[in-house]
Amino acid sequence: MLVLQIIIKQWDKSQRTAAHVLERAHIPDRHLITFPPAVYAVNKHCVIDRHGDDRQGGRLKYAPLADRKIQFDRFQLNLDDKVIGYFGRTQADKMPSVIGSLNNQWVQCKYTDRHSVFESDFYYWLYEEVTLNAICLSKFNEKIFMDTEPALVFEDFQ
């Protein structure tokens, strides 16, 4: 079973002070998995546990692909060989960069981005930091991200 936990921190330009940065730094990067908010997906082969911000709604996107692969945000996960790959900022006609194996070990991936948002008749930057915790297990364990440390931490901070 593939277990994906995503934590999204979003802020605008007015929230870039040292106090705001410190406040975001205290937000945990892993949680106990509980249903809800966690849900089963991809014919119950996957658990998705979402935490954090989604100011615009619909931030979390995933899709099953051919060959037992799942596209999840900027990541591609292979259910057969239990490998996670990362597309980076642009996904156009590129293969994902392999991060590592998820077979009975978990990987933590982090990246930052910003989006131009039009709201209330003006544009602004919406900044975000995304953390994905991922593992493939034979038996579900709701404490997996709390009881162990990640085998690998991948960061793409731009």
N, C-alpha and C. Protein backbone atom coordinates (compact mmCIF):
# COMPACT_ATOMS: atom_id res chain seq x y z
N MET A 1 0.85 -1.17 0.00
CA MET A 1 0.00 0.00 0.00
C MET A 1 0.89 1.24 0.00
N LEU A 2 0.55 2.18 -0.85
CA LEU A 2 1.26 3.45 -0.94
C LEU A 2 0.60 4.43 0.04
N VAL A 3 1.41 5.06 0.88
CA VAL A 3 0.91 6.05 1.85
C VAL A 3 1.57 7.39 1.53
N LEU A 4 0.74 8.39 1.25
CA LEU A 4 1.22 9.73 0.91
C LEU A 4 0.65 10.72 1.90
N GLN A 5 1.52 11.50 2.51
CA GLN A 5 1.09 12.56 3.42
C GLN A 5 1.66 13.87 2.90
N ILE A 6 0.78 14.83 2.63
CA ILE A 6 1.23 16.11 2.09
C ILE A 6 0.87 17.22 3.07
N ILE A 7 1.85 18.08 3.32
CA ILE A 7 1.66 19.23 4.20
C ILE A 7 1.97 20.48 3.37
N ILE A 8 1.01 21.40 3.27
CA ILE A 8 1.16 22.59 2.44
C ILE A 8 1.09 23.83 3.34
N LYS A 9 2.12 24.66 3.24
CA LYS A 9 2.15 25.95 3.95
C LYS A 9 2.09 27.03 2.87
N GLN A 10 1.10 27.92 2.96
CA GLN A 10 0.95 29.01 1.99
C GLN A 10 0.93 30.35 2.71
N TRP A 11 1.50 31.37 2.05
CA TRP A 11 1.50 32.72 2.61
C TRP A 11 1.64 33.74 1.50
N ASP A 12 1.26 34.98 1.81
CA ASP A 12 1.42 36.06 0.83
C ASP A 12 2.54 37.00 1.30
N LYS A 13 2.77 38.06 0.53
CA LYS A 13 3.89 38.96 0.80
C LYS A 13 3.82 39.58 2.19
N SER A 14 2.62 39.83 2.69
CA SER A 14 2.47 40.45 4.00
C SER A 14 2.88 39.51 5.14
N GLN A 15 3.09 38.23 4.83
CA GLN A 15 3.43 37.24 5.86
C GLN A 15 4.87 36.74 5.72
N ARG A 16 5.77 37.65 5.33
CA ARG A 16 7.18 37.28 5.16
C ARG A 16 8.08 37.83 6.26
N THR A 17 7.50 38.34 7.33
CA THR A 17 8.31 38.88 8.42
C THR A 17 9.00 37.74 9.18
N ALA A 18 9.96 38.09 10.00
CA ALA A 18 10.67 37.09 10.81
C ALA A 18 9.69 36.32 11.71
N ALA A 19 8.70 37.02 12.26
CA ALA A 19 7.71 36.37 13.12
C ALA A 19 6.89 35.34 12.34
N HIS A 20 6.51 35.69 11.11
CA HIS A 20 5.76 34.74 10.28
C HIS A 20 6.62 33.54 9.89
N VAL A 21 7.87 33.79 9.55
CA VAL A 21 8.79 32.69 9.19
C VAL A 21 8.94 31.74 10.38
N LEU A 22 9.10 32.28 11.57
CA LEU A 22 9.22 31.47 12.78
C LEU A 22 7.95 30.67 13.04
N GLU A 23 6.81 31.31 12.84
CA GLU A 23 5.53 30.63 13.03
C GLU A 23 5.40 29.44 12.07
N ARG A 24 5.76 29.63 10.79
CA ARG A 24 5.69 28.53 9.82
C ARG A 24 6.69 27.43 10.16
N ALA A 25 7.85 27.82 10.69
CA ALA A 25 8.87 26.83 11.05
C ALA A 25 8.40 25.89 12.15
N HIS A 26 7.45 26.32 12.94
CA HIS A 26 6.94 25.48 14.03
C HIS A 26 5.80 24.56 13.59
N ILE A 27 5.38 24.65 12.35
CA ILE A 27 4.35 23.74 11.83
C ILE A 27 5.01 22.39 11.56
N PRO A 28 4.46 21.30 12.09
CA PRO A 28 5.09 19.98 11.92
C PRO A 28 5.17 19.56 10.45
N ASP A 29 6.21 18.78 10.13
CA ASP A 29 6.37 18.26 8.77
C ASP A 29 5.99 16.79 8.67
N ARG A 30 5.30 16.28 9.70
CA ARG A 30 4.75 14.92 9.69
C ARG A 30 3.66 14.82 10.74
N HIS A 31 2.71 13.94 10.48
CA HIS A 31 1.55 13.78 11.36
C HIS A 31 1.18 12.31 11.48
N LEU A 32 0.44 12.00 12.53
CA LEU A 32 -0.23 10.72 12.66
C LEU A 32 -1.31 10.66 11.59
N ILE A 33 -1.50 9.52 10.96
CA ILE A 33 -2.51 9.40 9.90
C ILE A 33 -3.83 8.98 10.52
N THR A 34 -4.85 9.82 10.34
CA THR A 34 -6.19 9.52 10.85
C THR A 34 -7.20 9.68 9.72
N PHE A 35 -8.27 8.90 9.79
CA PHE A 35 -9.35 8.96 8.81
C PHE A 35 -10.56 9.60 9.45
N PRO A 36 -11.18 10.63 8.89
CA PRO A 36 -10.57 11.62 8.02
C PRO A 36 -9.59 12.47 8.79
N PRO A 37 -8.77 13.24 8.19
CA PRO A 37 -8.78 13.74 6.83
C PRO A 37 -8.22 12.76 5.79
N ALA A 38 -7.49 11.73 6.21
CA ALA A 38 -6.94 10.78 5.24
C ALA A 38 -8.07 10.07 4.49
N VAL A 39 -7.78 9.73 3.23
CA VAL A 39 -8.75 9.02 2.38
C VAL A 39 -8.02 7.94 1.61
N TYR A 40 -8.79 6.92 1.21
CA TYR A 40 -8.26 5.90 0.30
C TYR A 40 -8.44 6.38 -1.13
N ALA A 41 -7.49 6.04 -1.99
CA ALA A 41 -7.56 6.42 -3.40
C ALA A 41 -7.01 5.28 -4.25
N VAL A 42 -7.16 5.41 -5.55
CA VAL A 42 -6.63 4.47 -6.54
C VAL A 42 -7.02 3.03 -6.15
N ASN A 43 -8.33 2.78 -6.08
CA ASN A 43 -8.87 1.46 -5.74
C ASN A 43 -8.32 0.91 -4.43
N LYS A 44 -8.16 1.78 -3.45
CA LYS A 44 -7.67 1.45 -2.11
C LYS A 44 -6.23 0.93 -2.09
N HIS A 45 -5.46 1.24 -3.14
CA HIS A 45 -4.04 0.90 -3.16
C HIS A 45 -3.21 2.04 -2.56
N CYS A 46 -3.86 3.15 -2.21
CA CYS A 46 -3.15 4.34 -1.78
C CYS A 46 -3.95 5.05 -0.68
N VAL A 47 -3.23 5.56 0.31
CA VAL A 47 -3.81 6.43 1.33
C VAL A 47 -3.24 7.82 1.10
N ILE A 48 -4.11 8.83 1.06
CA ILE A 48 -3.67 10.22 0.92
C ILE A 48 -4.13 10.98 2.15
N ASP A 49 -3.16 11.58 2.82
CA ASP A 49 -3.40 12.32 4.06
C ASP A 49 -2.93 13.75 3.85
N ARG A 50 -3.86 14.71 3.80
CA ARG A 50 -3.54 16.11 3.49
C ARG A 50 -3.66 16.99 4.72
N HIS A 51 -2.67 17.88 4.88
CA HIS A 51 -2.67 18.83 5.99
C HIS A 51 -2.24 20.19 5.47
N GLY A 52 -2.69 21.24 6.15
CA GLY A 52 -2.20 22.57 5.83
C GLY A 52 -3.16 23.40 5.00
N ASP A 53 -2.56 24.34 4.27
CA ASP A 53 -3.31 25.38 3.58
C ASP A 53 -3.74 24.96 2.18
N ASP A 54 -4.83 25.57 1.75
CA ASP A 54 -5.31 25.44 0.37
C ASP A 54 -6.18 26.67 0.11
N ARG A 55 -5.55 27.84 0.06
CA ARG A 55 -6.28 29.10 -0.04
C ARG A 55 -7.17 29.19 -1.28
N GLN A 56 -6.72 28.63 -2.39
CA GLN A 56 -7.48 28.74 -3.63
C GLN A 56 -8.40 27.54 -3.85
N GLY A 57 -8.28 26.51 -3.07
CA GLY A 57 -9.07 25.31 -3.26
C GLY A 57 -8.55 24.48 -4.43
N GLY A 58 -8.68 23.18 -4.33
CA GLY A 58 -8.25 22.30 -5.42
C GLY A 58 -6.74 22.20 -5.58
N ARG A 59 -5.97 22.52 -4.55
CA ARG A 59 -4.51 22.50 -4.64
C ARG A 59 -3.97 21.09 -4.85
N LEU A 60 -4.60 20.11 -4.22
CA LEU A 60 -4.11 18.74 -4.29
C LEU A 60 -4.66 18.03 -5.52
N LYS A 61 -3.74 17.58 -6.38
CA LYS A 61 -4.14 16.89 -7.60
C LYS A 61 -3.36 15.59 -7.72
N TYR A 62 -4.06 14.53 -8.12
CA TYR A 62 -3.39 13.27 -8.39
C TYR A 62 -4.15 12.55 -9.49
N ALA A 63 -3.43 11.66 -10.19
CA ALA A 63 -4.06 10.92 -11.27
C ALA A 63 -3.33 9.60 -11.47
N PRO A 64 -4.09 8.51 -11.58
CA PRO A 64 -3.46 7.24 -11.95
C PRO A 64 -3.01 7.31 -13.41
N LEU A 65 -1.82 6.80 -13.68
CA LEU A 65 -1.28 6.76 -15.04
C LEU A 65 -1.18 5.32 -15.51
N ALA A 66 -0.74 5.15 -16.73
CA ALA A 66 -0.51 3.80 -17.26
C ALA A 66 0.63 3.15 -16.49
N ASP A 67 0.76 1.85 -16.62
CA ASP A 67 1.87 1.09 -16.04
C ASP A 67 1.94 1.20 -14.52
N ARG A 68 0.78 1.28 -13.85
CA ARG A 68 0.69 1.32 -12.39
C ARG A 68 1.53 2.44 -11.77
N LYS A 69 1.44 3.60 -12.38
CA LYS A 69 2.11 4.79 -11.86
C LYS A 69 1.05 5.80 -11.43
N ILE A 70 1.42 6.65 -10.49
CA ILE A 70 0.52 7.69 -10.00
C ILE A 70 1.25 9.02 -10.10
N GLN A 71 0.58 10.00 -10.70
CA GLN A 71 1.08 11.38 -10.72
C GLN A 71 0.45 12.07 -9.52
N PHE A 72 1.28 12.59 -8.61
CA PHE A 72 0.80 13.24 -7.40
C PHE A 72 1.57 14.53 -7.23
N ASP A 73 0.88 15.66 -7.48
CA ASP A 73 1.52 16.96 -7.42
C ASP A 73 2.71 16.94 -8.38
N ARG A 74 3.92 17.24 -7.93
CA ARG A 74 5.11 17.22 -8.79
C ARG A 74 5.82 15.86 -8.79
N PHE A 75 5.18 14.85 -8.27
CA PHE A 75 5.83 13.57 -8.08
C PHE A 75 5.18 12.48 -8.93
N GLN A 76 5.98 11.51 -9.30
CA GLN A 76 5.47 10.31 -9.96
C GLN A 76 5.89 9.12 -9.11
N LEU A 77 4.91 8.27 -8.80
CA LEU A 77 5.16 7.12 -7.94
C LEU A 77 4.84 5.85 -8.71
N ASN A 78 5.75 4.91 -8.68
CA ASN A 78 5.58 3.65 -9.38
C ASN A 78 5.20 2.58 -8.36
N LEU A 79 3.99 2.00 -8.52
CA LEU A 79 3.52 1.00 -7.57
C LEU A 79 4.24 -0.33 -7.72
N ASP A 80 4.82 -0.61 -8.89
CA ASP A 80 5.51 -1.89 -9.10
C ASP A 80 6.90 -1.89 -8.49
N ASP A 81 7.74 -0.91 -8.84
CA ASP A 81 9.11 -0.91 -8.30
C ASP A 81 9.25 -0.02 -7.07
N LYS A 82 8.14 0.63 -6.65
CA LYS A 82 8.09 1.42 -5.41
C LYS A 82 9.15 2.53 -5.39
N VAL A 83 9.22 3.27 -6.49
CA VAL A 83 10.18 4.35 -6.64
C VAL A 83 9.43 5.67 -6.80
N ILE A 84 9.99 6.73 -6.20
CA ILE A 84 9.41 8.06 -6.33
C ILE A 84 10.33 8.91 -7.20
N GLY A 85 9.70 9.67 -8.12
CA GLY A 85 10.43 10.59 -8.98
C GLY A 85 9.86 11.99 -8.83
N TYR A 86 10.66 12.99 -9.21
CA TYR A 86 10.29 14.40 -9.04
C TYR A 86 10.43 15.13 -10.36
N PHE A 87 9.40 15.89 -10.74
CA PHE A 87 9.41 16.63 -12.00
C PHE A 87 10.03 18.01 -11.89
N GLY A 88 10.06 18.60 -10.75
CA GLY A 88 10.56 19.96 -10.62
C GLY A 88 9.50 20.96 -11.01
N ARG A 89 9.94 22.16 -11.30
CA ARG A 89 9.00 23.26 -11.54
C ARG A 89 8.19 23.08 -12.82
N THR A 90 8.81 22.57 -13.88
CA THR A 90 8.07 22.34 -15.13
C THR A 90 8.08 20.86 -15.46
N GLN A 91 6.99 20.38 -15.99
CA GLN A 91 6.84 18.96 -16.28
C GLN A 91 6.78 18.67 -17.77
N ALA A 92 6.92 19.68 -18.61
CA ALA A 92 6.72 19.52 -20.04
C ALA A 92 7.74 18.55 -20.66
N ASP A 93 7.23 17.43 -21.16
CA ASP A 93 8.02 16.45 -21.90
C ASP A 93 9.30 16.01 -21.19
N LYS A 94 9.28 15.92 -19.89
CA LYS A 94 10.45 15.47 -19.15
C LYS A 94 10.12 14.22 -18.38
N MET A 95 11.13 13.41 -18.19
CA MET A 95 11.01 12.27 -17.29
C MET A 95 11.33 12.77 -15.88
N PRO A 96 10.70 12.20 -14.87
CA PRO A 96 11.01 12.64 -13.51
C PRO A 96 12.41 12.19 -13.09
N SER A 97 13.03 12.98 -12.25
CA SER A 97 14.30 12.60 -11.64
C SER A 97 14.02 11.63 -10.51
N VAL A 98 14.69 10.51 -10.49
CA VAL A 98 14.45 9.51 -9.45
C VAL A 98 15.01 10.02 -8.12
N ILE A 99 14.17 9.97 -7.09
CA ILE A 99 14.59 10.37 -5.75
C ILE A 99 15.06 9.15 -4.97
N GLY A 100 14.24 8.08 -4.98
CA GLY A 100 14.64 6.89 -4.23
C GLY A 100 13.53 5.89 -4.08
N SER A 101 13.83 4.83 -3.36
CA SER A 101 12.89 3.72 -3.13
C SER A 101 11.99 4.02 -1.94
N LEU A 102 10.74 3.60 -2.06
CA LEU A 102 9.77 3.73 -0.98
C LEU A 102 9.45 2.38 -0.34
N ASN A 103 10.20 1.36 -0.70
CA ASN A 103 9.91 0.00 -0.25
C ASN A 103 10.27 -0.16 1.23
N ASN A 104 9.25 -0.10 2.08
CA ASN A 104 9.38 -0.24 3.53
C ASN A 104 10.31 0.78 4.17
N GLN A 105 10.50 1.89 3.50
CA GLN A 105 11.22 3.03 4.08
C GLN A 105 10.57 4.29 3.55
N TRP A 106 10.56 5.32 4.36
CA TRP A 106 9.88 6.51 3.88
C TRP A 106 10.85 7.60 3.49
N VAL A 107 10.36 8.38 2.54
CA VAL A 107 11.12 9.48 1.96
C VAL A 107 10.34 10.76 2.22
N GLN A 108 11.06 11.82 2.61
CA GLN A 108 10.44 13.13 2.79
C GLN A 108 10.97 14.06 1.70
N CYS A 109 10.05 14.67 0.95
CA CYS A 109 10.41 15.57 -0.14
C CYS A 109 9.82 16.95 0.16
N LYS A 110 10.64 17.99 -0.07
CA LYS A 110 10.18 19.36 0.19
C LYS A 110 10.56 20.24 -0.98
N TYR A 111 9.65 21.15 -1.33
CA TYR A 111 9.98 22.17 -2.33
C TYR A 111 9.19 23.45 -2.03
N THR A 112 9.66 24.56 -2.61
CA THR A 112 8.97 25.84 -2.48
C THR A 112 8.58 26.32 -3.88
N ASP A 113 7.56 27.16 -3.91
CA ASP A 113 7.09 27.71 -5.18
C ASP A 113 6.31 28.98 -4.88
N ARG A 114 5.93 29.68 -5.94
CA ARG A 114 5.04 30.82 -5.81
C ARG A 114 4.13 30.84 -7.04
N HIS A 115 2.93 31.37 -6.83
CA HIS A 115 1.93 31.44 -7.88
C HIS A 115 1.37 32.85 -7.94
N SER A 116 1.11 33.34 -9.14
CA SER A 116 0.43 34.61 -9.30
C SER A 116 -1.07 34.36 -9.12
N VAL A 117 -1.68 35.14 -8.25
CA VAL A 117 -3.10 34.96 -7.94
C VAL A 117 -3.83 36.28 -8.21
N PHE A 118 -5.01 36.18 -8.85
CA PHE A 118 -5.86 37.33 -9.05
C PHE A 118 -7.07 37.16 -8.15
N GLU A 119 -7.22 38.09 -7.20
CA GLU A 119 -8.30 38.01 -6.23
C GLU A 119 -8.68 39.41 -5.79
N SER A 120 -9.97 39.67 -5.66
CA SER A 120 -10.47 40.99 -5.22
C SER A 120 -9.90 42.12 -6.07
N ASP A 121 -9.86 41.90 -7.37
CA ASP A 121 -9.44 42.91 -8.35
C ASP A 121 -7.95 43.28 -8.30
N PHE A 122 -7.12 42.43 -7.72
CA PHE A 122 -5.68 42.69 -7.81
C PHE A 122 -4.90 41.37 -7.82
N TYR A 123 -3.67 41.47 -8.32
CA TYR A 123 -2.77 40.32 -8.38
C TYR A 123 -1.82 40.34 -7.18
N TYR A 124 -1.45 39.16 -6.70
CA TYR A 124 -0.43 39.04 -5.67
C TYR A 124 0.25 37.69 -5.80
N TRP A 125 1.41 37.56 -5.15
CA TRP A 125 2.13 36.29 -5.12
C TRP A 125 1.64 35.46 -3.94
N LEU A 126 1.33 34.21 -4.20
CA LEU A 126 1.03 33.24 -3.15
C LEU A 126 2.22 32.30 -3.08
N TYR A 127 2.94 32.35 -1.98
CA TYR A 127 4.12 31.50 -1.77
C TYR A 127 3.69 30.22 -1.08
N GLU A 128 4.45 29.14 -1.33
CA GLU A 128 4.14 27.90 -0.63
C GLU A 128 5.37 27.04 -0.43
N GLU A 129 5.31 26.27 0.64
CA GLU A 129 6.27 25.22 0.90
C GLU A 129 5.48 23.93 1.00
N VAL A 130 5.86 22.93 0.21
CA VAL A 130 5.16 21.66 0.17
C VAL A 130 6.08 20.58 0.71
N THR A 131 5.55 19.76 1.61
CA THR A 131 6.28 18.60 2.13
C THR A 131 5.46 17.36 1.79
N LEU A 132 6.11 16.37 1.19
CA LEU A 132 5.47 15.09 0.90
C LEU A 132 6.23 14.01 1.64
N ASN A 133 5.52 13.26 2.47
CA ASN A 133 6.06 12.06 3.11
C ASN A 133 5.45 10.87 2.38
N ALA A 134 6.29 9.92 1.97
CA ALA A 134 5.79 8.81 1.15
C ALA A 134 6.48 7.50 1.53
N ILE A 135 5.69 6.41 1.49
CA ILE A 135 6.21 5.07 1.77
C ILE A 135 5.29 4.04 1.14
N CYS A 136 5.84 2.87 0.82
CA CYS A 136 5.06 1.70 0.40
C CYS A 136 5.20 0.65 1.49
N LEU A 137 4.07 0.20 2.02
CA LEU A 137 4.03 -0.77 3.10
C LEU A 137 3.18 -1.97 2.72
N SER A 138 3.48 -3.12 3.29
CA SER A 138 2.61 -4.28 3.08
C SER A 138 1.41 -4.22 4.02
N LYS A 139 1.59 -3.59 5.20
CA LYS A 139 0.50 -3.44 6.17
C LYS A 139 0.46 -2.00 6.64
N PHE A 140 -0.70 -1.38 6.60
CA PHE A 140 -0.86 0.03 6.97
C PHE A 140 -0.47 0.25 8.44
N ASN A 141 0.22 1.36 8.68
CA ASN A 141 0.62 1.77 10.03
C ASN A 141 0.40 3.27 10.15
N GLU A 142 -0.58 3.68 10.95
CA GLU A 142 -0.93 5.10 11.06
C GLU A 142 0.16 5.93 11.73
N LYS A 143 1.12 5.29 12.40
CA LYS A 143 2.19 6.01 13.10
C LYS A 143 3.50 6.01 12.33
N ILE A 144 3.53 5.52 11.11
CA ILE A 144 4.78 5.31 10.39
C ILE A 144 5.64 6.56 10.31
N PHE A 145 5.05 7.71 10.07
CA PHE A 145 5.84 8.93 9.94
C PHE A 145 6.24 9.52 11.30
N MET A 146 5.60 9.07 12.36
CA MET A 146 5.91 9.58 13.70
C MET A 146 6.94 8.70 14.42
N ASP A 147 6.92 7.40 14.15
CA ASP A 147 7.76 6.47 14.90
C ASP A 147 9.16 6.29 14.32
N THR A 148 9.36 6.67 13.07
CA THR A 148 10.66 6.47 12.43
C THR A 148 11.09 7.75 11.75
N GLU A 149 12.36 7.82 11.42
CA GLU A 149 12.91 8.95 10.68
C GLU A 149 12.94 8.59 9.19
N PRO A 150 12.88 9.59 8.31
CA PRO A 150 12.94 9.28 6.88
C PRO A 150 14.30 8.68 6.49
N ALA A 151 14.27 7.76 5.54
CA ALA A 151 15.51 7.18 5.03
C ALA A 151 16.25 8.20 4.17
N LEU A 152 15.48 9.13 3.58
CA LEU A 152 16.05 10.14 2.70
C LEU A 152 15.21 11.41 2.80
N VAL A 153 15.87 12.56 2.83
CA VAL A 153 15.18 13.86 2.76
C VAL A 153 15.66 14.54 1.49
N PHE A 154 14.70 14.84 0.60
CA PHE A 154 14.98 15.51 -0.67
C PHE A 154 14.43 16.92 -0.57
N GLU A 155 15.25 17.93 -0.96
CA GLU A 155 14.81 19.32 -0.91
C GLU A 155 15.09 20.01 -2.22
N ASP A 156 14.11 20.76 -2.71
CA ASP A 156 14.26 21.59 -3.90
C ASP A 156 13.76 22.98 -3.55
N PHE A 157 14.60 23.74 -2.83
CA PHE A 157 14.26 25.10 -2.45
C PHE A 157 14.87 26.05 -3.44
N GLN A 158 14.00 26.83 -4.12
CA GLN A 158 14.46 27.73 -5.18
C GLN A 158 14.60 29.13 -4.68
